[in-house]
Amino acid sequence: KELNPKLNIILTVSPVPLTATATDKHILVASYYSKAVLRAVAGYLSDYFEDISYFPSFEIISVNSSNDFRFENNRRTVSPKGVDYVMKHFKS
């Protein structure tokens, strides 16, 4: 900002999942946790600083599609197949 006072910053969160973690958490849990933390910080900064904006690349890629079996056609309601899929993994 000292060199260019007109500078604006665009933040985003990569939709690419982690492939490894240094934690003892399952990679799926570690990946979503890292995305949630980064998204929360990016949201906070873009809400409180006029020169910082957020571009939703994570949301654009990770949102469920109309062909996603886990959701009903409204893309909001979890489908019975989605529930069965989660419970199958929970039981295992």
N, C-alpha and C. Protein backbone atom coordinates (compact mmCIF):
# COMPACT_ATOMS: atom_id res chain seq x y z
N LYS A 1 0.82 -1.19 0.00
CA LYS A 1 0.00 0.00 0.00
C LYS A 1 0.87 1.26 0.00
N GLU A 2 2.07 1.17 0.57
CA GLU A 2 2.96 2.33 0.53
C GLU A 2 3.38 2.63 -0.90
N LEU A 3 3.62 1.60 -1.69
CA LEU A 3 4.04 1.80 -3.07
C LEU A 3 2.87 2.11 -4.00
N ASN A 4 1.71 1.56 -3.69
CA ASN A 4 0.54 1.76 -4.54
C ASN A 4 -0.71 1.86 -3.66
N PRO A 5 -1.09 3.06 -3.26
CA PRO A 5 -2.25 3.25 -2.38
C PRO A 5 -3.57 2.78 -3.00
N LYS A 6 -3.62 2.64 -4.33
CA LYS A 6 -4.84 2.20 -5.00
C LYS A 6 -4.95 0.67 -5.07
N LEU A 7 -3.97 -0.03 -4.54
CA LEU A 7 -3.94 -1.48 -4.59
C LEU A 7 -5.15 -2.09 -3.91
N ASN A 8 -5.80 -3.01 -4.58
CA ASN A 8 -6.88 -3.80 -4.01
C ASN A 8 -6.43 -5.25 -3.96
N ILE A 9 -6.92 -5.98 -2.98
CA ILE A 9 -6.51 -7.37 -2.77
C ILE A 9 -7.72 -8.26 -2.97
N ILE A 10 -7.52 -9.35 -3.69
CA ILE A 10 -8.56 -10.36 -3.86
C ILE A 10 -8.09 -11.64 -3.18
N LEU A 11 -8.88 -12.13 -2.25
CA LEU A 11 -8.59 -13.39 -1.56
C LEU A 11 -9.50 -14.47 -2.10
N THR A 12 -9.02 -15.69 -2.07
CA THR A 12 -9.84 -16.84 -2.43
C THR A 12 -9.33 -18.05 -1.66
N VAL A 13 -10.12 -19.11 -1.64
CA VAL A 13 -9.72 -20.36 -1.00
C VAL A 13 -9.70 -21.42 -2.09
N SER A 14 -8.59 -22.10 -2.23
CA SER A 14 -8.46 -23.11 -3.25
C SER A 14 -9.46 -24.25 -3.02
N PRO A 15 -10.15 -24.68 -4.07
CA PRO A 15 -11.07 -25.80 -3.92
C PRO A 15 -10.36 -27.16 -3.94
N VAL A 16 -9.06 -27.16 -4.20
CA VAL A 16 -8.31 -28.41 -4.28
C VAL A 16 -8.12 -28.97 -2.87
N PRO A 17 -8.58 -30.20 -2.62
CA PRO A 17 -8.44 -30.77 -1.28
C PRO A 17 -6.97 -31.09 -0.94
N LEU A 18 -6.69 -31.14 0.34
CA LEU A 18 -5.36 -31.54 0.78
C LEU A 18 -5.13 -33.01 0.40
N THR A 19 -3.89 -33.37 0.17
CA THR A 19 -3.56 -34.78 -0.10
C THR A 19 -2.80 -35.41 1.06
N ALA A 20 -2.39 -34.59 2.00
CA ALA A 20 -1.68 -35.07 3.18
C ALA A 20 -1.88 -34.07 4.30
N THR A 21 -1.66 -34.53 5.52
CA THR A 21 -1.78 -33.67 6.68
C THR A 21 -0.72 -34.04 7.71
N ALA A 22 -0.28 -33.06 8.46
CA ALA A 22 0.68 -33.31 9.54
C ALA A 22 -0.04 -33.60 10.84
N THR A 23 -1.37 -33.61 10.80
CA THR A 23 -2.14 -33.90 12.01
C THR A 23 -2.47 -35.38 12.07
N ASP A 24 -3.09 -35.79 13.18
CA ASP A 24 -3.53 -37.18 13.29
C ASP A 24 -4.97 -37.35 12.83
N LYS A 25 -5.52 -36.32 12.20
CA LYS A 25 -6.90 -36.36 11.70
C LYS A 25 -6.95 -37.04 10.34
N HIS A 26 -8.12 -37.62 10.03
CA HIS A 26 -8.34 -38.16 8.69
C HIS A 26 -8.17 -37.04 7.69
N ILE A 27 -7.66 -37.33 6.51
CA ILE A 27 -7.36 -36.30 5.52
C ILE A 27 -8.61 -35.52 5.12
N LEU A 28 -9.76 -36.17 5.07
CA LEU A 28 -11.00 -35.47 4.73
C LEU A 28 -11.34 -34.42 5.78
N VAL A 29 -11.22 -34.80 7.05
CA VAL A 29 -11.50 -33.86 8.14
C VAL A 29 -10.47 -32.73 8.14
N ALA A 30 -9.21 -33.06 7.97
CA ALA A 30 -8.14 -32.05 7.96
C ALA A 30 -8.32 -31.09 6.79
N SER A 31 -8.71 -31.61 5.64
CA SER A 31 -8.87 -30.77 4.46
C SER A 31 -10.02 -29.78 4.64
N TYR A 32 -11.17 -30.28 5.09
CA TYR A 32 -12.31 -29.37 5.27
C TYR A 32 -12.08 -28.38 6.41
N TYR A 33 -11.37 -28.82 7.44
CA TYR A 33 -11.05 -27.89 8.53
C TYR A 33 -10.19 -26.75 8.00
N SER A 34 -9.15 -27.09 7.22
CA SER A 34 -8.27 -26.05 6.70
C SER A 34 -9.03 -25.09 5.80
N LYS A 35 -9.95 -25.63 4.98
CA LYS A 35 -10.73 -24.77 4.09
C LYS A 35 -11.66 -23.86 4.91
N ALA A 36 -12.24 -24.40 5.96
CA ALA A 36 -13.15 -23.61 6.80
C ALA A 36 -12.41 -22.47 7.49
N VAL A 37 -11.23 -22.74 8.00
CA VAL A 37 -10.44 -21.71 8.67
C VAL A 37 -10.03 -20.62 7.67
N LEU A 38 -9.53 -21.05 6.52
CA LEU A 38 -9.13 -20.07 5.51
C LEU A 38 -10.33 -19.24 5.03
N ARG A 39 -11.47 -19.90 4.85
CA ARG A 39 -12.66 -19.19 4.38
C ARG A 39 -13.14 -18.19 5.42
N ALA A 40 -13.09 -18.58 6.69
CA ALA A 40 -13.52 -17.67 7.76
C ALA A 40 -12.61 -16.43 7.82
N VAL A 41 -11.33 -16.63 7.71
CA VAL A 41 -10.39 -15.50 7.75
C VAL A 41 -10.58 -14.61 6.52
N ALA A 42 -10.71 -15.22 5.35
CA ALA A 42 -10.92 -14.43 4.13
C ALA A 42 -12.22 -13.64 4.22
N GLY A 43 -13.27 -14.25 4.75
CA GLY A 43 -14.53 -13.55 4.92
C GLY A 43 -14.42 -12.39 5.89
N TYR A 44 -13.74 -12.63 6.99
CA TYR A 44 -13.55 -11.57 7.98
C TYR A 44 -12.80 -10.39 7.37
N LEU A 45 -11.70 -10.67 6.71
CA LEU A 45 -10.89 -9.60 6.14
C LEU A 45 -11.66 -8.82 5.07
N SER A 46 -12.40 -9.54 4.22
CA SER A 46 -13.15 -8.84 3.16
C SER A 46 -14.34 -8.07 3.73
N ASP A 47 -14.85 -8.46 4.87
CA ASP A 47 -15.95 -7.73 5.50
C ASP A 47 -15.47 -6.44 6.19
N TYR A 48 -14.24 -6.45 6.69
CA TYR A 48 -13.76 -5.34 7.50
C TYR A 48 -12.76 -4.41 6.82
N PHE A 49 -12.30 -4.77 5.65
CA PHE A 49 -11.36 -3.91 4.94
C PHE A 49 -11.88 -3.63 3.54
N GLU A 50 -12.08 -2.36 3.22
CA GLU A 50 -12.66 -1.96 1.94
C GLU A 50 -11.80 -2.36 0.74
N ASP A 51 -10.51 -2.48 0.93
CA ASP A 51 -9.62 -2.79 -0.19
C ASP A 51 -9.37 -4.30 -0.36
N ILE A 52 -10.12 -5.12 0.39
CA ILE A 52 -10.00 -6.57 0.27
C ILE A 52 -11.34 -7.14 -0.16
N SER A 53 -11.31 -7.95 -1.20
CA SER A 53 -12.51 -8.63 -1.70
C SER A 53 -12.30 -10.13 -1.65
N TYR A 54 -13.39 -10.88 -1.67
CA TYR A 54 -13.32 -12.34 -1.69
C TYR A 54 -13.91 -12.84 -3.00
N PHE A 55 -13.20 -13.75 -3.67
CA PHE A 55 -13.71 -14.42 -4.87
C PHE A 55 -14.04 -15.87 -4.51
N PRO A 56 -15.27 -16.32 -4.75
CA PRO A 56 -15.73 -17.63 -4.25
C PRO A 56 -15.34 -18.84 -5.11
N SER A 57 -14.06 -19.03 -5.39
CA SER A 57 -13.66 -20.21 -6.18
C SER A 57 -13.98 -21.51 -5.44
N PHE A 58 -13.78 -21.53 -4.12
CA PHE A 58 -14.08 -22.74 -3.34
C PHE A 58 -15.56 -23.10 -3.46
N GLU A 59 -16.42 -22.11 -3.30
CA GLU A 59 -17.85 -22.35 -3.34
C GLU A 59 -18.31 -22.75 -4.74
N ILE A 60 -17.75 -22.12 -5.76
CA ILE A 60 -18.14 -22.43 -7.13
C ILE A 60 -17.85 -23.89 -7.47
N ILE A 61 -16.71 -24.39 -7.03
CA ILE A 61 -16.33 -25.77 -7.33
C ILE A 61 -16.97 -26.78 -6.39
N SER A 62 -17.07 -26.46 -5.11
CA SER A 62 -17.50 -27.46 -4.13
C SER A 62 -19.01 -27.54 -3.93
N VAL A 63 -19.77 -26.61 -4.48
CA VAL A 63 -21.23 -26.66 -4.31
C VAL A 63 -21.77 -27.87 -5.07
N ASN A 64 -22.81 -28.48 -4.52
CA ASN A 64 -23.37 -29.66 -5.17
C ASN A 64 -24.06 -29.27 -6.47
N SER A 65 -24.05 -30.18 -7.43
CA SER A 65 -24.66 -29.91 -8.72
C SER A 65 -26.03 -30.57 -8.82
N SER A 66 -26.74 -30.28 -9.88
CA SER A 66 -28.09 -30.84 -10.04
C SER A 66 -28.05 -32.35 -10.23
N ASN A 67 -26.92 -32.91 -10.59
CA ASN A 67 -26.81 -34.36 -10.78
C ASN A 67 -26.21 -35.07 -9.56
N ASP A 68 -26.04 -34.37 -8.48
CA ASP A 68 -25.42 -34.92 -7.28
C ASP A 68 -26.43 -35.76 -6.52
N PHE A 69 -26.18 -37.07 -6.39
CA PHE A 69 -27.12 -37.98 -5.74
C PHE A 69 -27.34 -37.66 -4.27
N ARG A 70 -26.45 -36.89 -3.67
CA ARG A 70 -26.56 -36.62 -2.23
C ARG A 70 -27.63 -35.60 -1.89
N PHE A 71 -28.14 -34.90 -2.89
CA PHE A 71 -29.13 -33.85 -2.66
C PHE A 71 -30.34 -34.01 -3.56
N GLU A 72 -31.47 -33.49 -3.09
CA GLU A 72 -32.68 -33.44 -3.90
C GLU A 72 -32.50 -32.39 -4.98
N ASN A 73 -33.46 -32.26 -5.87
CA ASN A 73 -33.37 -31.31 -6.98
C ASN A 73 -33.20 -29.87 -6.54
N ASN A 74 -33.67 -29.54 -5.33
CA ASN A 74 -33.51 -28.16 -4.86
C ASN A 74 -32.07 -27.86 -4.42
N ARG A 75 -31.22 -28.88 -4.44
CA ARG A 75 -29.78 -28.77 -4.11
C ARG A 75 -29.54 -28.31 -2.67
N ARG A 76 -30.55 -28.44 -1.85
CA ARG A 76 -30.45 -28.03 -0.45
C ARG A 76 -30.81 -29.17 0.50
N THR A 77 -31.78 -29.97 0.11
CA THR A 77 -32.26 -31.06 0.95
C THR A 77 -31.44 -32.32 0.68
N VAL A 78 -30.91 -32.90 1.74
CA VAL A 78 -30.15 -34.13 1.59
C VAL A 78 -31.12 -35.25 1.19
N SER A 79 -30.74 -36.01 0.17
CA SER A 79 -31.60 -37.07 -0.35
C SER A 79 -31.50 -38.32 0.52
N PRO A 80 -32.49 -39.21 0.43
CA PRO A 80 -32.38 -40.49 1.15
C PRO A 80 -31.12 -41.26 0.76
N LYS A 81 -30.73 -41.21 -0.52
CA LYS A 81 -29.48 -41.86 -0.94
C LYS A 81 -28.28 -41.21 -0.26
N GLY A 82 -28.32 -39.90 -0.09
CA GLY A 82 -27.24 -39.20 0.60
C GLY A 82 -27.15 -39.62 2.06
N VAL A 83 -28.30 -39.72 2.71
CA VAL A 83 -28.33 -40.16 4.12
C VAL A 83 -27.79 -41.59 4.21
N ASP A 84 -28.25 -42.48 3.33
CA ASP A 84 -27.78 -43.87 3.33
C ASP A 84 -26.26 -43.94 3.13
N TYR A 85 -25.76 -43.09 2.24
CA TYR A 85 -24.32 -43.05 1.96
C TYR A 85 -23.52 -42.65 3.20
N VAL A 86 -23.99 -41.62 3.89
CA VAL A 86 -23.32 -41.17 5.11
C VAL A 86 -23.41 -42.25 6.19
N MET A 87 -24.59 -42.82 6.37
CA MET A 87 -24.77 -43.83 7.44
C MET A 87 -23.95 -45.08 7.16
N LYS A 88 -23.81 -45.46 5.90
CA LYS A 88 -22.97 -46.61 5.54
C LYS A 88 -21.55 -46.38 6.02
N HIS A 89 -21.04 -45.18 5.81
CA HIS A 89 -19.68 -44.86 6.26
C HIS A 89 -19.61 -44.75 7.78
N PHE A 90 -20.66 -44.20 8.40
CA PHE A 90 -20.67 -44.08 9.86
C PHE A 90 -20.63 -45.47 10.51
N LYS A 91 -21.41 -46.39 9.98
CA LYS A 91 -21.50 -47.75 10.55
C LYS A 91 -20.20 -48.53 10.36
N SER A 92 -19.47 -48.22 9.30
CA SER A 92 -18.23 -48.96 9.06
C SER A 92 -17.13 -48.47 9.99
